[in-house]
Amino acid sequence: MKKLVVLFTAMIFLSLSQMVYAYRAADFSSDSKIVAAIDLLERTGETDVLRNLRKYAIRVSFDDLSSVSYNSHKTFAISTYNKYGTRVIMINSIYKDAPVEQIACLVAHESMHVKRVADLEEETIATQKEAATWIRLKNTSKVYPDSRLTKRLDRLGGMYMASSNGNNLIQNKIASSGFYRAQLGLN
């Protein structure tokens, strides 16, 4: 009988601990498109993305990035901190009408930024996550808009697939980019 009580207590404890870690996509955003993108990431098993969103209590929103970025029309999304010190992912509002799969890729990328200041390794990991997510989520029977975002994702997906152990095309591209060289302090 004592073993049964211990087993029952352990089962209740485990059930309660699972509920503590439960979340809803709406905990991260009030925007229905972003919520749908996070739900899609969950359904496709992107546990590392969801783990980072939870761990860092990240809020995700569409924002006008012109006040944050010097080149806002080219910035897809950023991971930063708001004035209260809370981690936020801001997706450029010009992509508000992008397909959910593409929004999910941007969330996946930005969720991989966990350091206060990104370095080449972290930017490579984040960009590879974006590319791998696009490869997994892209619906081959769907026609995607002819946009900068679609072109970026297709280009990154191709680079990801063509990379090898000794030749990481995504890392090479980031390391040779003037923008990233300045941003990551590689100059």
N, C-alpha and C. Protein backbone atom coordinates (compact mmCIF):
# COMPACT_ATOMS: atom_id res chain seq x y z
N MET A 1 0.82 -1.20 0.00
CA MET A 1 0.00 0.00 0.00
C MET A 1 0.86 1.26 0.00
N LYS A 2 1.95 1.22 0.78
CA LYS A 2 2.85 2.37 0.87
C LYS A 2 3.47 2.68 -0.50
N LYS A 3 3.84 1.63 -1.25
CA LYS A 3 4.41 1.82 -2.58
C LYS A 3 3.39 2.46 -3.52
N LEU A 4 2.14 2.06 -3.38
CA LEU A 4 1.08 2.62 -4.21
C LEU A 4 0.90 4.11 -3.93
N VAL A 5 0.95 4.50 -2.69
CA VAL A 5 0.81 5.92 -2.32
C VAL A 5 1.99 6.71 -2.86
N VAL A 6 3.20 6.17 -2.74
CA VAL A 6 4.40 6.85 -3.26
C VAL A 6 4.29 6.99 -4.78
N LEU A 7 3.88 5.93 -5.45
CA LEU A 7 3.74 5.96 -6.90
C LEU A 7 2.68 6.99 -7.32
N PHE A 8 1.56 7.00 -6.63
CA PHE A 8 0.49 7.95 -6.92
C PHE A 8 0.96 9.39 -6.70
N THR A 9 1.69 9.63 -5.61
CA THR A 9 2.24 10.95 -5.31
C THR A 9 3.22 11.39 -6.39
N ALA A 10 4.07 10.47 -6.82
CA ALA A 10 5.04 10.78 -7.88
C ALA A 10 4.34 11.13 -9.18
N MET A 11 3.28 10.42 -9.51
CA MET A 11 2.53 10.69 -10.74
C MET A 11 1.88 12.08 -10.67
N ILE A 12 1.34 12.44 -9.54
CA ILE A 12 0.72 13.76 -9.39
C ILE A 12 1.79 14.83 -9.52
N PHE A 13 2.94 14.63 -8.87
CA PHE A 13 4.03 15.60 -8.95
C PHE A 13 4.48 15.80 -10.39
N LEU A 14 4.69 14.72 -11.11
CA LEU A 14 5.12 14.81 -12.51
C LEU A 14 4.07 15.50 -13.37
N SER A 15 2.81 15.23 -13.13
CA SER A 15 1.74 15.88 -13.88
C SER A 15 1.72 17.37 -13.63
N LEU A 16 1.88 17.75 -12.37
CA LEU A 16 1.88 19.18 -12.02
C LEU A 16 3.10 19.87 -12.60
N SER A 17 4.26 19.21 -12.58
CA SER A 17 5.45 19.85 -13.13
C SER A 17 5.32 20.05 -14.63
N GLN A 18 4.64 19.15 -15.31
CA GLN A 18 4.41 19.32 -16.75
C GLN A 18 3.51 20.52 -17.00
N MET A 19 2.52 20.72 -16.14
CA MET A 19 1.61 21.86 -16.31
C MET A 19 2.35 23.18 -16.09
N VAL A 20 3.34 23.19 -15.19
CA VAL A 20 4.10 24.40 -14.95
C VAL A 20 4.83 24.83 -16.21
N TYR A 21 5.33 23.84 -16.98
CA TYR A 21 6.07 24.16 -18.18
C TYR A 21 5.18 24.35 -19.41
N ALA A 22 3.91 24.08 -19.25
CA ALA A 22 2.99 24.26 -20.37
C ALA A 22 2.91 25.74 -20.73
N TYR A 23 2.65 26.00 -21.95
CA TYR A 23 2.51 27.37 -22.42
C TYR A 23 1.53 27.37 -23.57
N ARG A 24 1.16 28.55 -23.93
CA ARG A 24 0.35 28.75 -25.11
C ARG A 24 1.11 29.71 -26.02
N ALA A 25 0.97 29.54 -27.29
CA ALA A 25 1.65 30.45 -28.22
C ALA A 25 1.24 31.89 -27.95
N ALA A 26 0.01 32.08 -27.50
CA ALA A 26 -0.47 33.43 -27.20
C ALA A 26 0.28 34.06 -26.02
N ASP A 27 1.03 33.26 -25.26
CA ASP A 27 1.85 33.82 -24.19
C ASP A 27 3.00 34.66 -24.75
N PHE A 28 3.36 34.43 -26.01
CA PHE A 28 4.49 35.12 -26.62
C PHE A 28 4.10 36.29 -27.49
N SER A 29 2.84 36.34 -27.92
CA SER A 29 2.41 37.42 -28.81
C SER A 29 0.89 37.54 -28.79
N SER A 30 0.44 38.74 -29.09
CA SER A 30 -1.01 38.96 -29.22
C SER A 30 -1.42 38.99 -30.69
N ASP A 31 -0.45 38.90 -31.59
CA ASP A 31 -0.73 38.94 -33.02
C ASP A 31 -1.07 37.54 -33.52
N SER A 32 -2.21 37.39 -34.18
CA SER A 32 -2.67 36.06 -34.61
C SER A 32 -1.73 35.40 -35.61
N LYS A 33 -1.08 36.15 -36.46
CA LYS A 33 -0.14 35.57 -37.43
C LYS A 33 1.08 35.01 -36.71
N ILE A 34 1.59 35.73 -35.73
CA ILE A 34 2.75 35.25 -34.97
C ILE A 34 2.37 34.05 -34.12
N VAL A 35 1.20 34.08 -33.52
CA VAL A 35 0.71 32.94 -32.74
C VAL A 35 0.62 31.71 -33.65
N ALA A 36 0.10 31.87 -34.85
CA ALA A 36 0.01 30.75 -35.80
C ALA A 36 1.40 30.24 -36.16
N ALA A 37 2.37 31.15 -36.31
CA ALA A 37 3.74 30.75 -36.64
C ALA A 37 4.36 29.95 -35.49
N ILE A 38 4.14 30.39 -34.27
CA ILE A 38 4.68 29.67 -33.11
C ILE A 38 3.99 28.32 -32.96
N ASP A 39 2.70 28.26 -33.20
CA ASP A 39 1.99 26.97 -33.19
C ASP A 39 2.57 26.03 -34.25
N LEU A 40 2.87 26.56 -35.43
CA LEU A 40 3.47 25.76 -36.49
C LEU A 40 4.84 25.23 -36.05
N LEU A 41 5.62 26.06 -35.41
CA LEU A 41 6.93 25.61 -34.92
C LEU A 41 6.77 24.49 -33.89
N GLU A 42 5.77 24.61 -33.05
CA GLU A 42 5.52 23.56 -32.06
C GLU A 42 5.10 22.26 -32.74
N ARG A 43 4.19 22.35 -33.69
CA ARG A 43 3.68 21.16 -34.39
C ARG A 43 4.77 20.44 -35.17
N THR A 44 5.79 21.19 -35.61
CA THR A 44 6.85 20.58 -36.42
C THR A 44 8.07 20.21 -35.57
N GLY A 45 7.93 20.28 -34.26
CA GLY A 45 8.96 19.76 -33.36
C GLY A 45 10.16 20.67 -33.14
N GLU A 46 10.00 21.95 -33.31
CA GLU A 46 11.12 22.88 -33.10
C GLU A 46 11.27 23.18 -31.60
N THR A 47 11.67 22.15 -30.86
CA THR A 47 11.73 22.26 -29.41
C THR A 47 12.78 23.27 -28.94
N ASP A 48 13.89 23.39 -29.66
CA ASP A 48 14.92 24.35 -29.24
C ASP A 48 14.42 25.79 -29.37
N VAL A 49 13.63 26.06 -30.39
CA VAL A 49 13.04 27.39 -30.56
C VAL A 49 12.09 27.69 -29.40
N LEU A 50 11.20 26.74 -29.13
CA LEU A 50 10.23 26.93 -28.05
C LEU A 50 10.92 27.01 -26.69
N ARG A 51 11.95 26.22 -26.50
CA ARG A 51 12.71 26.27 -25.24
C ARG A 51 13.29 27.67 -25.02
N ASN A 52 13.88 28.24 -26.06
CA ASN A 52 14.45 29.59 -25.92
C ASN A 52 13.38 30.64 -25.71
N LEU A 53 12.26 30.52 -26.40
CA LEU A 53 11.17 31.48 -26.20
C LEU A 53 10.71 31.45 -24.75
N ARG A 54 10.55 30.26 -24.21
CA ARG A 54 10.13 30.11 -22.81
C ARG A 54 11.21 30.57 -21.84
N LYS A 55 12.42 30.08 -22.05
CA LYS A 55 13.52 30.35 -21.11
C LYS A 55 13.77 31.85 -20.95
N TYR A 56 13.71 32.56 -22.05
CA TYR A 56 14.00 33.99 -22.01
C TYR A 56 12.74 34.85 -21.99
N ALA A 57 11.58 34.21 -21.82
CA ALA A 57 10.28 34.91 -21.74
C ALA A 57 10.16 35.96 -22.85
N ILE A 58 10.42 35.52 -24.03
CA ILE A 58 10.48 36.43 -25.18
C ILE A 58 9.08 36.79 -25.66
N ARG A 59 8.88 38.06 -25.93
CA ARG A 59 7.65 38.55 -26.57
C ARG A 59 7.99 38.79 -28.04
N VAL A 60 7.06 38.47 -28.92
CA VAL A 60 7.28 38.60 -30.36
C VAL A 60 6.20 39.52 -30.92
N SER A 61 6.61 40.46 -31.77
CA SER A 61 5.64 41.38 -32.36
C SER A 61 6.13 41.87 -33.71
N PHE A 62 5.19 42.40 -34.47
CA PHE A 62 5.55 43.12 -35.69
C PHE A 62 5.80 44.56 -35.28
N ASP A 63 6.87 45.14 -35.79
CA ASP A 63 7.21 46.51 -35.44
C ASP A 63 7.80 47.25 -36.62
N ASP A 64 7.63 48.56 -36.59
CA ASP A 64 8.29 49.44 -37.54
C ASP A 64 9.74 49.54 -37.08
N LEU A 65 10.65 48.98 -37.84
CA LEU A 65 12.05 48.93 -37.41
C LEU A 65 12.85 50.16 -37.83
N SER A 66 12.19 51.17 -38.38
CA SER A 66 12.93 52.34 -38.83
C SER A 66 13.60 53.08 -37.68
N SER A 67 13.05 53.00 -36.47
CA SER A 67 13.68 53.69 -35.34
C SER A 67 14.75 52.83 -34.67
N VAL A 68 14.82 51.56 -35.03
CA VAL A 68 15.77 50.64 -34.41
C VAL A 68 16.96 50.36 -35.33
N SER A 69 16.71 50.32 -36.59
CA SER A 69 17.72 49.90 -37.55
C SER A 69 18.01 51.01 -38.55
N TYR A 70 19.28 51.17 -38.89
CA TYR A 70 19.65 52.19 -39.86
C TYR A 70 19.20 51.83 -41.27
N ASN A 71 18.88 50.60 -41.50
CA ASN A 71 18.50 50.14 -42.83
C ASN A 71 17.20 49.34 -42.72
N SER A 72 16.15 49.97 -42.17
CA SER A 72 14.95 49.25 -41.76
C SER A 72 14.25 48.51 -42.90
N HIS A 73 14.35 49.01 -44.13
CA HIS A 73 13.65 48.31 -45.21
C HIS A 73 14.35 46.99 -45.57
N LYS A 74 15.60 46.81 -45.12
CA LYS A 74 16.31 45.57 -45.39
C LYS A 74 16.36 44.64 -44.18
N THR A 75 15.99 45.13 -43.02
CA THR A 75 16.02 44.32 -41.81
C THR A 75 14.76 43.48 -41.74
N PHE A 76 14.94 42.18 -41.59
CA PHE A 76 13.81 41.27 -41.54
C PHE A 76 13.25 41.18 -40.12
N ALA A 77 14.12 41.02 -39.15
CA ALA A 77 13.71 40.91 -37.75
C ALA A 77 14.94 41.11 -36.87
N ILE A 78 14.69 41.43 -35.61
CA ILE A 78 15.79 41.57 -34.66
C ILE A 78 15.39 40.98 -33.31
N SER A 79 16.39 40.54 -32.58
CA SER A 79 16.21 40.12 -31.20
C SER A 79 16.93 41.15 -30.35
N THR A 80 16.22 41.74 -29.42
CA THR A 80 16.79 42.82 -28.62
C THR A 80 16.12 42.86 -27.26
N TYR A 81 16.33 43.92 -26.54
CA TYR A 81 15.72 44.13 -25.23
C TYR A 81 14.91 45.41 -25.27
N ASN A 82 13.74 45.40 -24.64
CA ASN A 82 12.96 46.62 -24.57
C ASN A 82 13.45 47.49 -23.41
N LYS A 83 12.82 48.61 -23.20
CA LYS A 83 13.29 49.55 -22.17
C LYS A 83 13.15 49.00 -20.76
N TYR A 84 12.42 47.91 -20.59
CA TYR A 84 12.26 47.28 -19.28
C TYR A 84 13.23 46.11 -19.09
N GLY A 85 14.08 45.86 -20.08
CA GLY A 85 15.05 44.77 -19.99
C GLY A 85 14.51 43.42 -20.39
N THR A 86 13.32 43.38 -20.98
CA THR A 86 12.70 42.14 -21.43
C THR A 86 13.16 41.82 -22.85
N ARG A 87 13.48 40.55 -23.10
CA ARG A 87 13.86 40.12 -24.45
C ARG A 87 12.65 40.22 -25.37
N VAL A 88 12.86 40.76 -26.55
CA VAL A 88 11.80 40.87 -27.54
C VAL A 88 12.35 40.49 -28.92
N ILE A 89 11.49 39.90 -29.70
CA ILE A 89 11.77 39.69 -31.12
C ILE A 89 10.84 40.63 -31.86
N MET A 90 11.43 41.46 -32.67
CA MET A 90 10.65 42.41 -33.46
C MET A 90 10.79 42.03 -34.92
N ILE A 91 9.67 41.70 -35.54
CA ILE A 91 9.64 41.34 -36.96
C ILE A 91 9.21 42.58 -37.72
N ASN A 92 9.95 42.90 -38.76
CA ASN A 92 9.66 44.09 -39.54
C ASN A 92 8.20 44.06 -40.01
N SER A 93 7.48 45.12 -39.72
CA SER A 93 6.05 45.17 -40.03
C SER A 93 5.78 45.12 -41.53
N ILE A 94 6.78 45.36 -42.37
CA ILE A 94 6.54 45.25 -43.82
C ILE A 94 6.30 43.79 -44.22
N TYR A 95 6.59 42.85 -43.32
CA TYR A 95 6.36 41.42 -43.60
C TYR A 95 5.12 40.88 -42.89
N LYS A 96 4.27 41.76 -42.43
CA LYS A 96 3.07 41.36 -41.70
C LYS A 96 2.16 40.44 -42.53
N ASP A 97 2.18 40.60 -43.84
CA ASP A 97 1.33 39.78 -44.70
C ASP A 97 2.07 38.56 -45.27
N ALA A 98 3.28 38.32 -44.82
CA ALA A 98 4.04 37.16 -45.30
C ALA A 98 3.36 35.87 -44.83
N PRO A 99 3.57 34.79 -45.54
CA PRO A 99 3.00 33.50 -45.13
C PRO A 99 3.49 33.08 -43.74
N VAL A 100 2.67 32.35 -43.04
CA VAL A 100 2.98 31.90 -41.68
C VAL A 100 4.31 31.14 -41.64
N GLU A 101 4.58 30.32 -42.64
CA GLU A 101 5.83 29.56 -42.68
C GLU A 101 7.04 30.49 -42.64
N GLN A 102 6.94 31.60 -43.34
CA GLN A 102 8.06 32.54 -43.38
C GLN A 102 8.21 33.28 -42.05
N ILE A 103 7.11 33.64 -41.44
CA ILE A 103 7.17 34.27 -40.11
C ILE A 103 7.79 33.29 -39.11
N ALA A 104 7.43 32.03 -39.21
CA ALA A 104 8.00 31.01 -38.33
C ALA A 104 9.52 30.93 -38.49
N CYS A 105 10.01 31.06 -39.71
CA CYS A 105 11.46 31.03 -39.95
C CYS A 105 12.16 32.21 -39.28
N LEU A 106 11.54 33.38 -39.34
CA LEU A 106 12.12 34.56 -38.69
C LEU A 106 12.13 34.40 -37.17
N VAL A 107 11.05 33.86 -36.62
CA VAL A 107 10.99 33.60 -35.17
C VAL A 107 12.07 32.59 -34.80
N ALA A 108 12.20 31.52 -35.60
CA ALA A 108 13.21 30.50 -35.32
C ALA A 108 14.60 31.11 -35.29
N HIS A 109 14.92 31.92 -36.29
CA HIS A 109 16.23 32.57 -36.35
C HIS A 109 16.47 33.42 -35.10
N GLU A 110 15.57 34.33 -34.83
CA GLU A 110 15.79 35.28 -33.73
C GLU A 110 15.78 34.61 -32.37
N SER A 111 15.07 33.49 -32.23
CA SER A 111 15.05 32.80 -30.94
C SER A 111 16.40 32.17 -30.61
N MET A 112 17.23 31.96 -31.60
CA MET A 112 18.55 31.37 -31.38
C MET A 112 19.55 32.39 -30.82
N HIS A 113 19.21 33.66 -30.86
CA HIS A 113 20.09 34.68 -30.27
C HIS A 113 19.87 34.71 -28.77
N VAL A 114 20.85 34.19 -28.04
CA VAL A 114 20.72 34.10 -26.59
C VAL A 114 21.76 34.95 -25.85
N LYS A 115 22.78 35.38 -26.55
CA LYS A 115 23.80 36.23 -25.93
C LYS A 115 23.36 37.68 -26.00
N ARG A 116 23.91 38.50 -25.14
CA ARG A 116 23.61 39.95 -25.17
C ARG A 116 24.05 40.55 -26.49
N VAL A 117 25.22 40.12 -26.97
CA VAL A 117 25.76 40.60 -28.25
C VAL A 117 26.14 39.37 -29.07
N ALA A 118 25.60 39.29 -30.27
CA ALA A 118 25.86 38.13 -31.14
C ALA A 118 27.31 38.12 -31.61
N ASP A 119 27.79 36.92 -31.85
CA ASP A 119 29.10 36.75 -32.47
C ASP A 119 28.90 35.90 -33.73
N LEU A 120 29.99 35.62 -34.43
CA LEU A 120 29.89 34.87 -35.69
C LEU A 120 29.26 33.50 -35.47
N GLU A 121 29.63 32.82 -34.41
CA GLU A 121 29.08 31.49 -34.15
C GLU A 121 27.57 31.55 -33.93
N GLU A 122 27.12 32.49 -33.10
CA GLU A 122 25.69 32.58 -32.82
C GLU A 122 24.91 33.00 -34.06
N GLU A 123 25.43 33.95 -34.83
CA GLU A 123 24.73 34.37 -36.05
C GLU A 123 24.66 33.22 -37.05
N THR A 124 25.70 32.42 -37.12
CA THR A 124 25.70 31.25 -38.01
C THR A 124 24.64 30.24 -37.57
N ILE A 125 24.60 29.95 -36.27
CA ILE A 125 23.60 29.01 -35.75
C ILE A 125 22.18 29.52 -36.03
N ALA A 126 21.95 30.80 -35.78
CA ALA A 126 20.62 31.38 -36.00
C ALA A 126 20.23 31.31 -37.47
N THR A 127 21.16 31.63 -38.35
CA THR A 127 20.86 31.63 -39.79
C THR A 127 20.67 30.21 -40.31
N GLN A 128 21.45 29.28 -39.80
CA GLN A 128 21.26 27.88 -40.18
C GLN A 128 19.89 27.38 -39.71
N LYS A 129 19.47 27.78 -38.51
CA LYS A 129 18.16 27.39 -37.99
C LYS A 129 17.06 27.94 -38.90
N GLU A 130 17.21 29.19 -39.33
CA GLU A 130 16.24 29.81 -40.24
C GLU A 130 16.16 29.01 -41.54
N ALA A 131 17.32 28.67 -42.10
CA ALA A 131 17.37 27.93 -43.37
C ALA A 131 16.77 26.53 -43.21
N ALA A 132 17.16 25.83 -42.16
CA ALA A 132 16.64 24.47 -41.94
C ALA A 132 15.13 24.49 -41.70
N THR A 133 14.66 25.50 -41.00
CA THR A 133 13.22 25.62 -40.76
C THR A 133 12.48 25.86 -42.06
N TRP A 134 13.03 26.70 -42.92
CA TRP A 134 12.41 26.96 -44.23
C TRP A 134 12.35 25.69 -45.06
N ILE A 135 13.43 24.94 -45.08
CA ILE A 135 13.45 23.69 -45.85
C ILE A 135 12.35 22.75 -45.34
N ARG A 136 12.18 22.68 -44.04
CA ARG A 136 11.18 21.80 -43.45
C ARG A 136 9.76 22.31 -43.66
N LEU A 137 9.55 23.63 -43.57
CA LEU A 137 8.19 24.16 -43.60
C LEU A 137 7.68 24.54 -44.99
N LYS A 138 8.59 24.78 -45.92
CA LYS A 138 8.17 25.24 -47.24
C LYS A 138 7.28 24.19 -47.91
N ASN A 139 6.10 24.64 -48.29
CA ASN A 139 5.13 23.78 -48.95
C ASN A 139 5.39 23.86 -50.46
N THR A 140 5.84 22.77 -51.05
CA THR A 140 6.22 22.80 -52.47
C THR A 140 5.03 22.99 -53.41
N SER A 141 3.82 22.76 -52.91
CA SER A 141 2.65 22.96 -53.76
C SER A 141 2.07 24.38 -53.61
N LYS A 142 2.69 25.20 -52.80
CA LYS A 142 2.21 26.56 -52.55
C LYS A 142 3.07 27.56 -53.31
N VAL A 143 2.43 28.58 -53.84
CA VAL A 143 3.17 29.66 -54.51
C VAL A 143 3.38 30.77 -53.48
N TYR A 144 4.63 31.06 -53.21
CA TYR A 144 4.98 32.10 -52.24
C TYR A 144 5.17 33.43 -52.95
N PRO A 145 4.95 34.53 -52.25
CA PRO A 145 5.09 35.84 -52.90
C PRO A 145 6.52 36.07 -53.38
N ASP A 146 6.65 36.81 -54.45
CA ASP A 146 7.96 37.16 -54.99
C ASP A 146 8.46 38.36 -54.18
N SER A 147 8.99 38.06 -52.99
CA SER A 147 9.41 39.12 -52.07
C SER A 147 10.87 38.94 -51.68
N ARG A 148 11.44 39.95 -51.06
CA ARG A 148 12.80 39.86 -50.54
C ARG A 148 12.92 38.72 -49.54
N LEU A 149 11.87 38.53 -48.74
CA LEU A 149 11.90 37.48 -47.73
C LEU A 149 11.92 36.09 -48.38
N THR A 150 11.10 35.86 -49.37
CA THR A 150 11.09 34.57 -50.06
C THR A 150 12.44 34.32 -50.72
N LYS A 151 12.99 35.34 -51.37
CA LYS A 151 14.30 35.18 -52.01
C LYS A 151 15.38 34.87 -50.99
N ARG A 152 15.34 35.55 -49.84
CA ARG A 152 16.33 35.29 -48.78
C ARG A 152 16.22 33.85 -48.30
N LEU A 153 15.00 33.41 -47.99
CA LEU A 153 14.82 32.07 -47.46
C LEU A 153 15.24 31.01 -48.48
N ASP A 154 14.89 31.21 -49.74
CA ASP A 154 15.29 30.26 -50.78
C ASP A 154 16.82 30.22 -50.93
N ARG A 155 17.45 31.39 -50.88
CA ARG A 155 18.91 31.47 -51.00
C ARG A 155 19.58 30.77 -49.80
N LEU A 156 19.09 31.05 -48.59
CA LEU A 156 19.66 30.42 -47.40
C LEU A 156 19.43 28.91 -47.42
N GLY A 157 18.24 28.48 -47.85
CA GLY A 157 17.97 27.05 -47.94
C GLY A 157 18.93 26.35 -48.89
N GLY A 158 19.19 26.98 -50.02
CA GLY A 158 20.14 26.42 -50.99
C GLY A 158 21.56 26.35 -50.43
N MET A 159 21.97 27.40 -49.73
CA MET A 159 23.30 27.41 -49.12
C MET A 159 23.41 26.34 -48.03
N TYR A 160 22.37 26.20 -47.25
CA TYR A 160 22.36 25.21 -46.18
C TYR A 160 22.50 23.80 -46.76
N MET A 161 21.74 23.52 -47.81
CA MET A 161 21.78 22.20 -48.44
C MET A 161 23.12 21.93 -49.13
N ALA A 162 23.77 22.97 -49.66
CA ALA A 162 25.01 22.79 -50.39
C ALA A 162 26.25 22.80 -49.48
N SER A 163 26.07 23.14 -48.21
CA SER A 163 27.19 23.18 -47.28
C SER A 163 27.65 21.77 -46.93
N SER A 164 28.91 21.70 -46.51
CA SER A 164 29.46 20.42 -46.04
C SER A 164 30.24 20.70 -44.76
N ASN A 165 30.74 19.65 -44.13
CA ASN A 165 31.48 19.81 -42.88
C ASN A 165 32.63 20.80 -43.01
N GLY A 166 33.36 20.74 -44.08
CA GLY A 166 34.51 21.62 -44.26
C GLY A 166 34.20 22.93 -44.95
N ASN A 167 32.96 23.09 -45.39
CA ASN A 167 32.62 24.29 -46.16
C ASN A 167 31.21 24.75 -45.80
N ASN A 168 31.10 25.55 -44.74
CA ASN A 168 29.81 26.06 -44.28
C ASN A 168 29.52 27.35 -45.04
N LEU A 169 28.71 27.24 -46.08
CA LEU A 169 28.44 28.38 -46.96
C LEU A 169 27.75 29.53 -46.23
N ILE A 170 26.89 29.21 -45.27
CA ILE A 170 26.20 30.26 -44.51
C ILE A 170 27.21 31.02 -43.66
N GLN A 171 28.07 30.31 -42.96
CA GLN A 171 29.07 30.98 -42.13
C GLN A 171 30.02 31.81 -43.00
N ASN A 172 30.43 31.27 -44.15
CA ASN A 172 31.31 32.01 -45.06
C ASN A 172 30.65 33.30 -45.53
N LYS A 173 29.37 33.23 -45.86
CA LYS A 173 28.63 34.41 -46.33
C LYS A 173 28.54 35.47 -45.23
N ILE A 174 28.23 35.04 -44.01
CA ILE A 174 28.14 35.98 -42.90
C ILE A 174 29.50 36.62 -42.64
N ALA A 175 30.54 35.81 -42.62
CA ALA A 175 31.89 36.31 -42.32
C ALA A 175 32.40 37.27 -43.39
N SER A 176 31.91 37.15 -44.61
CA SER A 176 32.37 38.03 -45.68
C SER A 176 31.46 39.23 -45.92
N SER A 177 30.34 39.29 -45.22
CA SER A 177 29.39 40.40 -45.38
C SER A 177 29.88 41.64 -44.64
N GLY A 178 29.94 42.76 -45.32
CA GLY A 178 30.33 44.02 -44.69
C GLY A 178 29.43 44.37 -43.52
N PHE A 179 28.13 44.16 -43.68
CA PHE A 179 27.18 44.45 -42.62
C PHE A 179 27.49 43.63 -41.38
N TYR A 180 27.62 42.31 -41.54
CA TYR A 180 27.88 41.45 -40.39
C TYR A 180 29.29 41.65 -39.83
N ARG A 181 30.27 41.92 -40.70
CA ARG A 181 31.63 42.17 -40.21
C ARG A 181 31.62 43.34 -39.24
N ALA A 182 30.87 44.40 -39.58
CA ALA A 182 30.79 45.56 -38.69
C ALA A 182 29.97 45.24 -37.45
N GLN A 183 28.82 44.59 -37.63
CA GLN A 183 27.93 44.29 -36.52
C GLN A 183 28.55 43.32 -35.53
N LEU A 184 29.28 42.34 -36.02
CA LEU A 184 29.85 41.30 -35.15
C LEU A 184 31.28 41.61 -34.71
N GLY A 185 31.79 42.77 -35.14
CA GLY A 185 33.13 43.17 -34.75
C GLY A 185 34.22 42.30 -35.39
N LEU A 186 34.02 41.92 -36.63
CA LEU A 186 34.99 41.07 -37.32
C LEU A 186 36.02 41.87 -38.11
N ASN A 187 35.89 43.17 -38.14
CA ASN A 187 36.83 43.99 -38.92
C ASN A 187 38.17 44.13 -38.27
